[in-house]
PDB file of N, CA and C in Angstrom:
ATOM      1  N   UNK A   1      14.034  15.192   5.628  1.00  0.00           N
ATOM      2  CA  UNK A   1      13.566  13.399   6.391  1.00  0.00           C
ATOM      3  C   UNK A   1      12.470  13.405   6.753  1.00  0.00           C
ATOM      4  N   UNK A   2      12.078  12.081   6.179  1.00  0.00           N
ATOM      5  CA  UNK A   2      10.829  11.540   6.655  1.00  0.00           C
ATOM      6  C   UNK A   2      10.672  10.408   7.719  1.00  0.00           C
ATOM      7  N   UNK A   3       9.577  10.786   8.497  1.00  0.00           N
ATOM      8  CA  UNK A   3       9.518   9.642   9.286  1.00  0.00           C
ATOM      9  C   UNK A   3       8.704   8.833   8.978  1.00  0.00           C
ATOM     10  N   UNK A   4       9.481   7.209   9.253  1.00  0.00           N
ATOM     11  CA  UNK A   4       8.228   6.607   8.973  1.00  0.00           C
ATOM     12  C   UNK A   4       6.882   6.096   9.608  1.00  0.00           C
ATOM     13  N   UNK A   5       6.063   5.897   8.987  1.00  0.00           N
ATOM     14  CA  UNK A   5       4.645   5.540   9.520  1.00  0.00           C
ATOM     15  C   UNK A   5       4.130   4.238   8.684  1.00  0.00           C
ATOM     16  N   UNK A   6       3.807   3.224   9.582  1.00  0.00           N
ATOM     17  CA  UNK A   6       3.491   1.627   9.084  1.00  0.00           C
ATOM     18  C   UNK A   6       1.749   1.749   9.621  1.00  0.00           C
ATOM     19  N   UNK A   7       1.083   2.092   8.398  1.00  0.00           N
ATOM     20  CA  UNK A   7      -0.372   1.619   8.979  1.00  0.00           C
ATOM     21  C   UNK A   7      -0.677   0.038   8.684  1.00  0.00           C
ATOM     22  N   UNK A   8      -1.446  -0.235   9.942  1.00  0.00           N
ATOM     23  CA  UNK A   8      -1.722  -1.592  10.100  1.00  0.00           C
ATOM     24  C   UNK A   8      -3.594  -1.590  10.009  1.00  0.00           C
ATOM     25  N   UNK A   9      -4.313  -2.910  10.263  1.00  0.00           N
ATOM     26  CA  UNK A   9      -5.647  -2.650  10.391  1.00  0.00           C
ATOM     27  C   UNK A   9      -5.695  -3.225  11.957  1.00  0.00           C
ATOM     28  N   UNK A  10      -4.716  -3.685  12.811  1.00  0.00           N
ATOM     29  CA  UNK A  10      -4.646  -3.485  14.086  1.00  0.00           C
ATOM     30  C   UNK A  10      -2.996  -3.860  14.510  1.00  0.00           C
ATOM     31  N   UNK A  11      -3.232  -2.925  16.060  1.00  0.00           N
ATOM     32  CA  UNK A  11      -1.382  -3.127  15.938  1.00  0.00           C
ATOM     33  C   UNK A  11      -0.901  -4.131  16.533  1.00  0.00           C
ATOM     34  N   UNK A  12      -1.609  -5.275  16.934  1.00  0.00           N
ATOM     35  CA  UNK A  12      -1.264  -6.409  17.549  1.00  0.00           C
ATOM     36  C   UNK A  12      -0.919  -7.274  16.224  1.00  0.00           C
ATOM     37  N   UNK A  13      -0.990  -6.801  14.947  1.00  0.00           N
ATOM     38  CA  UNK A  13      -0.267  -7.636  13.857  1.00  0.00           C
ATOM     39  C   UNK A  13       1.498  -7.708  13.628  1.00  0.00           C
ATOM     40  N   UNK A  14       1.714  -6.455  14.728  1.00  0.00           N
ATOM     41  CA  UNK A  14       2.811  -6.277  14.512  1.00  0.00           C
ATOM     42  C   UNK A  14       3.671  -6.328  15.770  1.00  0.00           C
ATOM     43  N   UNK A  15       3.410  -5.638  16.600  1.00  0.00           N
ATOM     44  CA  UNK A  15       3.955  -5.859  17.958  1.00  0.00           C
ATOM     45  C   UNK A  15       4.563  -6.987  18.408  1.00  0.00           C
ATOM     46  N   UNK A  16       4.355  -8.240  18.476  1.00  0.00           N
ATOM     47  CA  UNK A  16       4.969  -9.784  18.743  1.00  0.00           C
ATOM     48  C   UNK A  16       5.995  -9.741  17.754  1.00  0.00           C
ATOM     49  N   UNK A  17       6.162  -8.900  16.722  1.00  0.00           N
ATOM     50  CA  UNK A  17       7.683  -9.166  15.775  1.00  0.00           C
ATOM     51  C   UNK A  17       8.465  -7.987  16.043  1.00  0.00           C
ATOM     52  N   UNK A  18       8.012  -6.715  16.482  1.00  0.00           N
ATOM     53  CA  UNK A  18       9.368  -5.393  16.707  1.00  0.00           C
ATOM     54  C   UNK A  18       8.506  -4.323  17.368  1.00  0.00           C
ATOM     55  N   UNK A  19       9.124  -4.123  18.414  1.00  0.00           N
ATOM     56  CA  UNK A  19       8.420  -3.183  19.222  1.00  0.00           C
ATOM     57  C   UNK A  19       9.099  -1.731  18.761  1.00  0.00           C
ATOM     58  N   UNK A  20       7.967  -0.479  18.137  1.00  0.00           N
ATOM     59  CA  UNK A  20       8.136   0.455  17.413  1.00  0.00           C
ATOM     60  C   UNK A  20       7.187   1.534  17.742  1.00  0.00           C
ATOM     61  N   UNK A  21       7.436   2.808  17.720  1.00  0.00           N
ATOM     62  CA  UNK A  21       6.528   3.740  18.122  1.00  0.00           C
ATOM     63  C   UNK A  21       6.013   4.143  16.271  1.00  0.00           C
ATOM     64  N   UNK A  22       6.526   3.356  15.525  1.00  0.00           N
ATOM     65  CA  UNK A  22       6.202   3.878  14.052  1.00  0.00           C
ATOM     66  C   UNK A  22       4.672   3.099  13.664  1.00  0.00           C
ATOM     67  N   UNK A  23       4.168   2.575  13.962  1.00  0.00           N
ATOM     68  CA  UNK A  23       2.913   1.923  13.393  1.00  0.00           C
ATOM     69  C   UNK A  23       1.894   2.575  14.367  1.00  0.00           C
ATOM     70  N   UNK A  24       0.733   2.519  13.436  1.00  0.00           N
ATOM     71  CA  UNK A  24      -0.488   3.496  13.690  1.00  0.00           C
ATOM     72  C   UNK A  24      -1.687   2.514  13.181  1.00  0.00           C
ATOM     73  N   UNK A  25      -2.586   2.601  13.623  1.00  0.00           N
ATOM     74  CA  UNK A  25      -3.764   1.519  13.255  1.00  0.00           C
ATOM     75  C   UNK A  25      -4.389   2.382  11.535  1.00  0.00           C
ATOM     76  N   UNK A  26      -5.466   1.917  11.030  1.00  0.00           N
ATOM     77  CA  UNK A  26      -6.075   2.900   9.761  1.00  0.00           C
ATOM     78  C   UNK A  26      -6.690   3.821  10.536  1.00  0.00           C
ATOM     79  N   UNK A  27      -7.637   3.251  11.139  1.00  0.00           N
ATOM     80  CA  UNK A  27      -8.458   3.935  11.866  1.00  0.00           C
ATOM     81  C   UNK A  27      -8.134   5.415  12.671  1.00  0.00           C
ATOM     82  N   UNK A  28      -7.026   5.035  13.151  1.00  0.00           N
ATOM     83  CA  UNK A  28      -5.778   6.276  13.800  1.00  0.00           C
ATOM     84  C   UNK A  28      -5.569   7.266  12.778  1.00  0.00           C
ATOM     85  N   UNK A  29      -5.010   6.612  11.882  1.00  0.00           N
ATOM     86  CA  UNK A  29      -4.621   7.445  11.301  1.00  0.00           C
ATOM     87  C   UNK A  29      -5.462   8.549  10.547  1.00  0.00           C
ATOM     88  N   UNK A  30      -6.948   7.904   9.899  1.00  0.00           N
ATOM     89  CA  UNK A  30      -7.795   8.496   9.581  1.00  0.00           C
ATOM     90  C   UNK A  30      -8.404   9.826  10.607  1.00  0.00           C
ATOM     91  N   UNK A  31      -8.420   9.658  11.819  1.00  0.00           N
ATOM     92  CA  UNK A  31      -8.968  10.515  12.579  1.00  0.00           C
ATOM     93  C   UNK A  31      -7.779  11.262  13.117  1.00  0.00           C
ATOM     94  N   UNK A  32      -6.714  11.152  13.121  1.00  0.00           N
ATOM     95  CA  UNK A  32      -5.802  11.932  13.503  1.00  0.00           C
ATOM     96  C   UNK A  32      -5.139  12.912  13.090  1.00  0.00           C
ATOM     97  N   UNK A  33      -6.038  14.303  13.115  1.00  0.00           N
ATOM     98  CA  UNK A  33      -5.363  15.665  12.306  1.00  0.00           C
ATOM     99  C   UNK A  33      -3.848  15.866  12.102  1.00  0.00           C
ATOM    100  N   UNK A  34      -3.237  15.731  13.706  1.00  0.00           N
ATOM    101  CA  UNK A  34      -1.941  16.176  13.939  1.00  0.00           C
ATOM    102  C   UNK A  34      -0.751  15.599  13.033  1.00  0.00           C
ATOM    103  N   UNK A  35      -1.283  14.712  12.446  1.00  0.00           N
ATOM    104  CA  UNK A  35      -0.635  13.816  11.577  1.00  0.00           C
ATOM    105  C   UNK A  35      -0.093  15.107  10.186  1.00  0.00           C
ATOM    106  N   UNK A  36      -0.966  15.714   9.585  1.00  0.00           N
ATOM    107  CA  UNK A  36      -1.140  16.527   8.672  1.00  0.00           C
ATOM    108  C   UNK A  36       0.095  17.758   8.825  1.00  0.00           C
ATOM    109  N   UNK A  37       0.592  17.955   9.885  1.00  0.00           N
ATOM    110  CA  UNK A  37       1.376  19.110  10.426  1.00  0.00           C
ATOM    111  C   UNK A  37       2.597  18.247   9.963  1.00  0.00           C
ATOM    112  N   UNK A  38       3.125  17.369   9.480  1.00  0.00           N
ATOM    113  CA  UNK A  38       4.270  16.354   9.787  1.00  0.00           C
ATOM    114  C   UNK A  38       4.633  15.530   8.279  1.00  0.00           C
ATOM    115  N   UNK A  39       5.998  15.648   8.056  1.00  0.00           N
ATOM    116  CA  UNK A  39       6.446  14.900   7.086  1.00  0.00           C
ATOM    117  C   UNK A  39       6.736  13.785   7.233  1.00  0.00           C
ATOM    118  N   UNK A  40       6.133  12.537   6.402  1.00  0.00           N
ATOM    119  CA  UNK A  40       6.322  11.238   6.822  1.00  0.00           C
ATOM    120  C   UNK A  40       6.030  10.269   5.223  1.00  0.00           C
ATOM    121  N   UNK A  41       6.596   9.183   5.048  1.00  0.00           N
ATOM    122  CA  UNK A  41       6.858   8.191   4.446  1.00  0.00           C
ATOM    123  C   UNK A  41       5.767   7.275   4.990  1.00  0.00           C
ATOM    124  N   UNK A  42       4.757   6.807   4.542  1.00  0.00           N
ATOM    125  CA  UNK A  42       3.511   6.291   4.932  1.00  0.00           C
ATOM    126  C   UNK A  42       3.605   4.946   4.236  1.00  0.00           C
ATOM    127  N   UNK A  43       3.716   4.037   5.019  1.00  0.00           N
ATOM    128  CA  UNK A  43       3.616   1.848   4.288  1.00  0.00           C
ATOM    129  C   UNK A  43       2.034   1.878   4.940  1.00  0.00           C
ATOM    130  N   UNK A  44       1.421   1.620   3.867  1.00  0.00           N
ATOM    131  CA  UNK A  44      -0.074   1.287   4.415  1.00  0.00           C
ATOM    132  C   UNK A  44       0.090  -0.417   3.889  1.00  0.00           C
ATOM    133  N   UNK A  45      -0.108  -1.316   5.137  1.00  0.00           N
ATOM    134  CA  UNK A  45       0.068  -2.114   5.192  1.00  0.00           C
ATOM    135  C   UNK A  45      -1.690  -2.899   5.451  1.00  0.00           C
ATOM    136  N   UNK A  46      -2.536  -2.497   5.411  1.00  0.00           N
ATOM    137  CA  UNK A  46      -4.066  -2.438   5.256  1.00  0.00           C
ATOM    138  C   UNK A  46      -4.478  -3.889   4.551  1.00  0.00           C
ATOM    139  N   UNK A  47      -5.255  -4.622   5.191  1.00  0.00           N
ATOM    140  CA  UNK A  47      -5.391  -6.171   4.726  1.00  0.00           C
ATOM    141  C   UNK A  47      -6.352  -5.540   3.615  1.00  0.00           C
ATOM    142  N   UNK A  48      -7.154  -4.483   3.597  1.00  0.00           N
ATOM    143  CA  UNK A  48      -8.166  -4.366   2.522  1.00  0.00           C
ATOM    144  C   UNK A  48      -7.951  -3.095   1.864  1.00  0.00           C
ATOM    145  N   UNK A  49      -7.719  -2.694   0.547  1.00  0.00           N
ATOM    146  CA  UNK A  49      -7.090  -1.869  -0.333  1.00  0.00           C
ATOM    147  C   UNK A  49      -8.235  -1.650  -1.616  1.00  0.00           C
ATOM    148  N   UNK A  50      -9.327  -2.545  -0.923  1.00  0.00           N
ATOM    149  CA  UNK A  50     -10.196  -1.791  -2.247  1.00  0.00           C
ATOM    150  C   UNK A  50     -11.096  -0.978  -2.026  1.00  0.00           C
ATOM    151  N   UNK A  51     -11.677  -0.057  -3.527  1.00  0.00           N
ATOM    152  CA  UNK A  51     -12.430   1.144  -2.913  1.00  0.00           C
ATOM    153  C   UNK A  51     -13.334   1.449  -2.192  1.00  0.00           C
ATOM    154  N   UNK A  52     -12.753   2.519  -1.056  1.00  0.00           N
ATOM    155  CA  UNK A  52     -14.006   2.359  -0.294  1.00  0.00           C
ATOM    156  C   UNK A  52     -13.771   1.764   1.345  1.00  0.00           C
ATOM    157  N   UNK A  53     -12.543   1.220   0.852  1.00  0.00           N
ATOM    158  CA  UNK A  53     -12.292   1.004   2.311  1.00  0.00           C
ATOM    159  C   UNK A  53     -11.192   1.689   3.297  1.00  0.00           C
ATOM    160  N   UNK A  54     -11.371   1.534   4.526  1.00  0.00           N
ATOM    161  CA  UNK A  54     -10.424   2.080   5.228  1.00  0.00           C
ATOM    162  C   UNK A  54      -8.834   2.335   4.728  1.00  0.00           C
ATOM    163  N   UNK A  55      -8.233   1.266   4.524  1.00  0.00           N
ATOM    164  CA  UNK A  55      -7.023   1.217   3.499  1.00  0.00           C
ATOM    165  C   UNK A  55      -6.646   2.306   2.701  1.00  0.00           C
ATOM    166  N   UNK A  56      -7.876   2.214   1.754  1.00  0.00           N
ATOM    167  CA  UNK A  56      -7.822   2.908   0.499  1.00  0.00           C
ATOM    168  C   UNK A  56      -7.922   4.524   0.849  1.00  0.00           C
ATOM    169  N   UNK A  57      -8.917   4.494   1.626  1.00  0.00           N
ATOM    170  CA  UNK A  57      -8.755   6.234   2.204  1.00  0.00           C
ATOM    171  C   UNK A  57      -7.726   6.679   3.034  1.00  0.00           C
ATOM    172  N   UNK A  58      -6.455   5.635   3.728  1.00  0.00           N
ATOM    173  CA  UNK A  58      -5.671   6.120   4.569  1.00  0.00           C
ATOM    174  C   UNK A  58      -4.729   6.633   2.742  1.00  0.00           C
ATOM    175  N   UNK A  59      -4.420   5.649   2.123  1.00  0.00           N
ATOM    176  CA  UNK A  59      -3.496   5.998   0.767  1.00  0.00           C
ATOM    177  C   UNK A  59      -3.927   7.509   0.366  1.00  0.00           C
ATOM    178  N   UNK A  60      -5.267   7.551   0.107  1.00  0.00           N
ATOM    179  CA  UNK A  60      -5.735   9.355  -0.541  1.00  0.00           C
ATOM    180  C   UNK A  60      -5.640  10.004   0.793  1.00  0.00           C
ATOM    181  N   UNK A  61      -5.850   9.769   1.959  1.00  0.00           N
ATOM    182  CA  UNK A  61      -5.458  11.106   2.915  1.00  0.00           C
ATOM    183  C   UNK A  61      -4.001  11.388   2.935  1.00  0.00           C
ATOM    184  N   UNK A  62      -3.073  10.152   2.866  1.00  0.00           N
ATOM    185  CA  UNK A  62      -1.894  10.639   2.872  1.00  0.00           C
ATOM    186  C   UNK A  62      -1.287  11.316   1.609  1.00  0.00           C
ATOM    187  N   UNK A  63      -1.854  10.955   0.580  1.00  0.00           N
ATOM    188  CA  UNK A  63      -1.770  12.290  -0.548  1.00  0.00           C
ATOM    189  C   UNK A  63      -2.001  13.275  -0.656  1.00  0.00           C
ATOM    190  N   UNK A  64      -3.285  13.365   0.064  1.00  0.00           N
ATOM    191  CA  UNK A  64      -3.568  14.924   0.464  1.00  0.00           C
ATOM    192  C   UNK A  64      -2.608  15.632   1.615  1.00  0.00           C
ATOM    193  N   UNK A  65      -2.662  14.669   2.214  1.00  0.00           N
ATOM    194  CA  UNK A  65      -1.570  15.052   3.590  1.00  0.00           C
ATOM    195  C   UNK A  65       0.005  15.754   3.012  1.00  0.00           C
ATOM    196  N   UNK A  66       0.516  14.942   1.650  1.00  0.00           N
ATOM    197  CA  UNK A  66       1.272  15.355   1.209  1.00  0.00           C
ATOM    198  C   UNK A  66       2.603  14.757   1.464  1.00  0.00           C
ATOM    199  N   UNK A  67       2.134  13.505   2.151  1.00  0.00           N
ATOM    200  CA  UNK A  67       2.839  12.969   2.400  1.00  0.00           C
ATOM    201  C   UNK A  67       3.515  11.652   1.847  1.00  0.00           C
ATOM    202  N   UNK A  68       4.904  10.777   1.746  1.00  0.00           N
ATOM    203  CA  UNK A  68       4.864   9.925   0.467  1.00  0.00           C
ATOM    204  C   UNK A  68       4.283   8.723   0.745  1.00  0.00           C
ATOM    205  N   UNK A  69       3.768   7.765   0.018  1.00  0.00           N
ATOM    206  CA  UNK A  69       3.004   6.799   0.333  1.00  0.00           C
ATOM    207  C   UNK A  69       3.124   5.759  -0.505  1.00  0.00           C
ATOM    208  N   UNK A  70       3.032   4.618   0.119  1.00  0.00           N
ATOM    209  CA  UNK A  70       3.171   3.334  -0.593  1.00  0.00           C
ATOM    210  C   UNK A  70       2.136   2.169  -0.248  1.00  0.00           C
ATOM    211  N   UNK A  71       1.460   1.827  -0.716  1.00  0.00           N
ATOM    212  CA  UNK A  71       1.352   1.980  -2.343  1.00  0.00           C
ATOM    213  C   UNK A  71       0.474   3.345  -2.424  1.00  0.00           C
ATOM    214  N   UNK A  72       0.708   3.868  -3.618  1.00  0.00           N
ATOM    215  CA  UNK A  72       0.060   5.216  -3.837  1.00  0.00           C
ATOM    216  C   UNK A  72      -1.132   4.803  -4.564  1.00  0.00           C
ATOM    217  N   UNK A  73      -2.461   6.212  -4.165  1.00  0.00           N
ATOM    218  CA  UNK A  73      -3.778   5.533  -5.026  1.00  0.00           C
ATOM    219  C   UNK A  73      -3.531   5.132  -6.396  1.00  0.00           C
ATOM    220  N   UNK A  74      -2.557   5.823  -7.023  1.00  0.00           N
ATOM    221  CA  UNK A  74      -2.842   5.394  -8.623  1.00  0.00           C
ATOM    222  C   UNK A  74      -2.708   3.781  -8.735  1.00  0.00           C
ATOM    223  N   UNK A  75      -1.577   3.461  -7.883  1.00  0.00           N
ATOM    224  CA  UNK A  75      -1.132   2.057  -8.385  1.00  0.00           C
ATOM    225  C   UNK A  75      -2.325   1.322  -7.582  1.00  0.00           C
ATOM    226  N   UNK A  76      -2.990   1.633  -6.536  1.00  0.00           N
ATOM    227  CA  UNK A  76      -3.918   0.598  -6.338  1.00  0.00           C
ATOM    228  C   UNK A  76      -5.264   0.431  -7.276  1.00  0.00           C
ATOM    229  N   UNK A  77      -5.129   1.820  -7.796  1.00  0.00           N
ATOM    230  CA  UNK A  77      -6.555   1.730  -8.865  1.00  0.00           C
ATOM    231  C   UNK A  77      -5.806   0.715 -10.004  1.00  0.00           C
ATOM    232  N   UNK A  78      -4.594   0.943 -10.653  1.00  0.00           N
ATOM    233  CA  UNK A  78      -3.939   0.230 -11.714  1.00  0.00           C
ATOM    234  C   UNK A  78      -4.604  -1.314 -10.932  1.00  0.00           C
ATOM    235  N   UNK A  79      -3.981  -1.153 -10.166  1.00  0.00           N
ATOM    236  CA  UNK A  79      -4.441  -3.327  -9.648  1.00  0.00           C
ATOM    237  C   UNK A  79      -5.510  -3.704  -9.616  1.00  0.00           C
ATOM    238  N   UNK A  80      -6.535  -3.045  -8.995  1.00  0.00           N
ATOM    239  CA  UNK A  80      -7.667  -3.122  -8.924  1.00  0.00           C
ATOM    240  C   UNK A  80      -8.624  -3.223 -10.116  1.00  0.00           C
ATOM    241  N   UNK A  81      -7.736  -2.231 -11.561  1.00  0.00           N
ATOM    242  CA  UNK A  81      -8.793  -2.317 -12.698  1.00  0.00           C
ATOM    243  C   UNK A  81      -8.244  -3.360 -13.422  1.00  0.00           C
ATOM    244  N   UNK A  82      -7.009  -3.997 -13.498  1.00  0.00           N
ATOM    245  CA  UNK A  82      -6.373  -5.378 -13.777  1.00  0.00           C
ATOM    246  C   UNK A  82      -6.209  -4.340 -15.032  1.00  0.00           C
ATOM    247  N   UNK A  83      -5.071  -3.499 -15.243  1.00  0.00           N
ATOM    248  CA  UNK A  83      -4.367  -2.841 -15.947  1.00  0.00           C
ATOM    249  C   UNK A  83      -2.775  -2.871 -16.192  1.00  0.00           C
ATOM    250  N   UNK A  84      -2.720  -4.565 -15.830  1.00  0.00           N
ATOM    251  CA  UNK A  84      -1.354  -5.173 -15.822  1.00  0.00           C
ATOM    252  C   UNK A  84      -0.620  -4.991 -17.146  1.00  0.00           C
ATOM    253  N   UNK A  85       0.410  -5.825 -16.875  1.00  0.00           N
ATOM    254  CA  UNK A  85       1.178  -5.936 -18.087  1.00  0.00           C
ATOM    255  C   UNK A  85       1.189  -7.081 -18.967  1.00  0.00           C
ATOM    256  N   UNK A  86       0.960  -7.135 -19.986  1.00  0.00           N
ATOM    257  CA  UNK A  86       0.729  -8.492 -20.862  1.00  0.00           C
ATOM    258  C   UNK A  86       1.611  -8.843 -21.357  1.00  0.00           C
ATOM    259  N   UNK A  87       2.300 -10.028 -21.329  1.00  0.00           N
ATOM    260  CA  UNK A  87       3.215 -10.621 -22.264  1.00  0.00           C
ATOM    261  C   UNK A  87       3.265 -10.378 -23.611  1.00  0.00           C
ATOM    262  N   UNK A  88       4.422  -9.939 -24.298  1.00  0.00           N
ATOM    263  CA  UNK A  88       4.640  -9.980 -25.740  1.00  0.00           C
ATOM    264  C   UNK A  88       4.400 -10.957 -26.288  1.00  0.00           C
ATOM    265  N   UNK A  89       3.723 -10.793 -27.515  1.00  0.00           N
ATOM    266  CA  UNK A  89       3.434 -12.118 -28.156  1.00  0.00           C
ATOM    267  C   UNK A  89       4.449 -13.365 -28.393  1.00  0.00           C
ATOM    268  N   UNK A  90       5.986 -12.528 -28.879  1.00  0.00           N
ATOM    269  CA  UNK A  90       7.230 -13.535 -28.671  1.00  0.00           C
ATOM    270  C   UNK A  90       7.805 -13.617 -27.727  1.00  0.00           C
ATOM    271  N   UNK A  91       7.286 -13.533 -26.719  1.00  0.00           N
ATOM    272  CA  UNK A  91       7.817 -13.836 -24.968  1.00  0.00           C
ATOM    273  C   UNK A  91       6.695 -14.501 -24.701  1.00  0.00           C
ATOM    274  N   UNK A  92       5.424 -14.230 -25.269  1.00  0.00           N
ATOM    275  CA  UNK A  92       4.466 -16.013 -24.518  1.00  0.00           C
ATOM    276  C   UNK A  92       5.013 -16.998 -25.432  1.00  0.00           C
ATOM    277  N   UNK A  93       5.373 -17.251 -26.505  1.00  0.00           N
ATOM    278  CA  UNK A  93       5.579 -18.242 -27.537  1.00  0.00           C
ATOM    279  C   UNK A  93       6.830 -18.725 -26.507  1.00  0.00           C
ATOM    280  N   UNK A  94       7.637 -18.187 -26.600  1.00  0.00           N
ATOM    281  CA  UNK A  94       8.918 -18.672 -25.522  1.00  0.00           C
ATOM    282  C   UNK A  94       8.515 -19.130 -24.584  1.00  0.00           C
ATOM    283  N   UNK A  95       7.610 -18.969 -23.742  1.00  0.00           N
ATOM    284  CA  UNK A  95       7.322 -19.503 -22.531  1.00  0.00           C
ATOM    285  C   UNK A  95       6.232 -20.466 -22.701  1.00  0.00           C
ATOM    286  N   UNK A  96       5.542 -20.311 -23.420  1.00  0.00           N
ATOM    287  CA  UNK A  96       5.053 -21.523 -23.900  1.00  0.00           C
ATOM    288  C   UNK A  96       5.571 -22.890 -24.331  1.00  0.00           C
ATOM    289  N   UNK A  97       6.798 -22.249 -25.218  1.00  0.00           N
ATOM    290  CA  UNK A  97       7.468 -23.585 -25.581  1.00  0.00           C
ATOM    291  C   UNK A  97       8.660 -24.042 -24.592  1.00  0.00           C
ATOM    292  N   UNK A  98       8.749 -23.589 -23.473  1.00  0.00           N
ATOM    293  CA  UNK A  98       9.661 -23.434 -22.254  1.00  0.00           C
ATOM    294  C   UNK A  98       8.835 -24.752 -21.549  1.00  0.00           C
ATOM    295  N   UNK A  99       7.298 -24.350 -21.116  1.00  0.00           N
ATOM    296  CA  UNK A  99       6.694 -24.856 -20.595  1.00  0.00           C
ATOM    297  C   UNK A  99       6.391 -26.444 -21.083  1.00  0.00           C
ATOM    298  N   UNK A 100       6.434 -26.441 -22.464  1.00  0.00           N
ATOM    299  CA  UNK A 100       6.137 -27.311 -23.150  1.00  0.00           C
ATOM    300  C   UNK A 100       6.872 -28.810 -23.370  1.00  0.00           C
ATOM    301  N   UNK A 101       8.589 -28.268 -23.068  1.00  0.00           N
ATOM    302  CA  UNK A 101       9.470 -28.773 -22.682  1.00  0.00           C
ATOM    303  C   UNK A 101       9.192 -29.945 -21.453  1.00  0.00           C
ATOM    304  N   UNK A 102       8.944 -29.164 -20.516  1.00  0.00           N
ATOM    305  CA  UNK A 102       8.882 -29.538 -19.328  1.00  0.00           C
ATOM    306  C   UNK A 102       7.697 -30.721 -18.984  1.00  0.00           C
TER     307      UNK A 102
END
């Protein structure tokens, strides 16, 4: 069973809404080695997930620690490289026709 861990930039972003021990700052996650010995589901809600940011390194470190991480480094890289799904030409045509009718 994985313990949930939510990574934020600041604890103040979460505390007013729901009091829990499952939150940690990105800086604390990167600095605390004791987390390596535990199994976690890590939800990375850092504001900045760009390459070389603290949020990016949290996802990278979570993968190295064997934690289940959301979003994964692979997902972050796909989004940042704009490797997104494109509309099929026939679906694109249908969407255009629908918009044109309005």
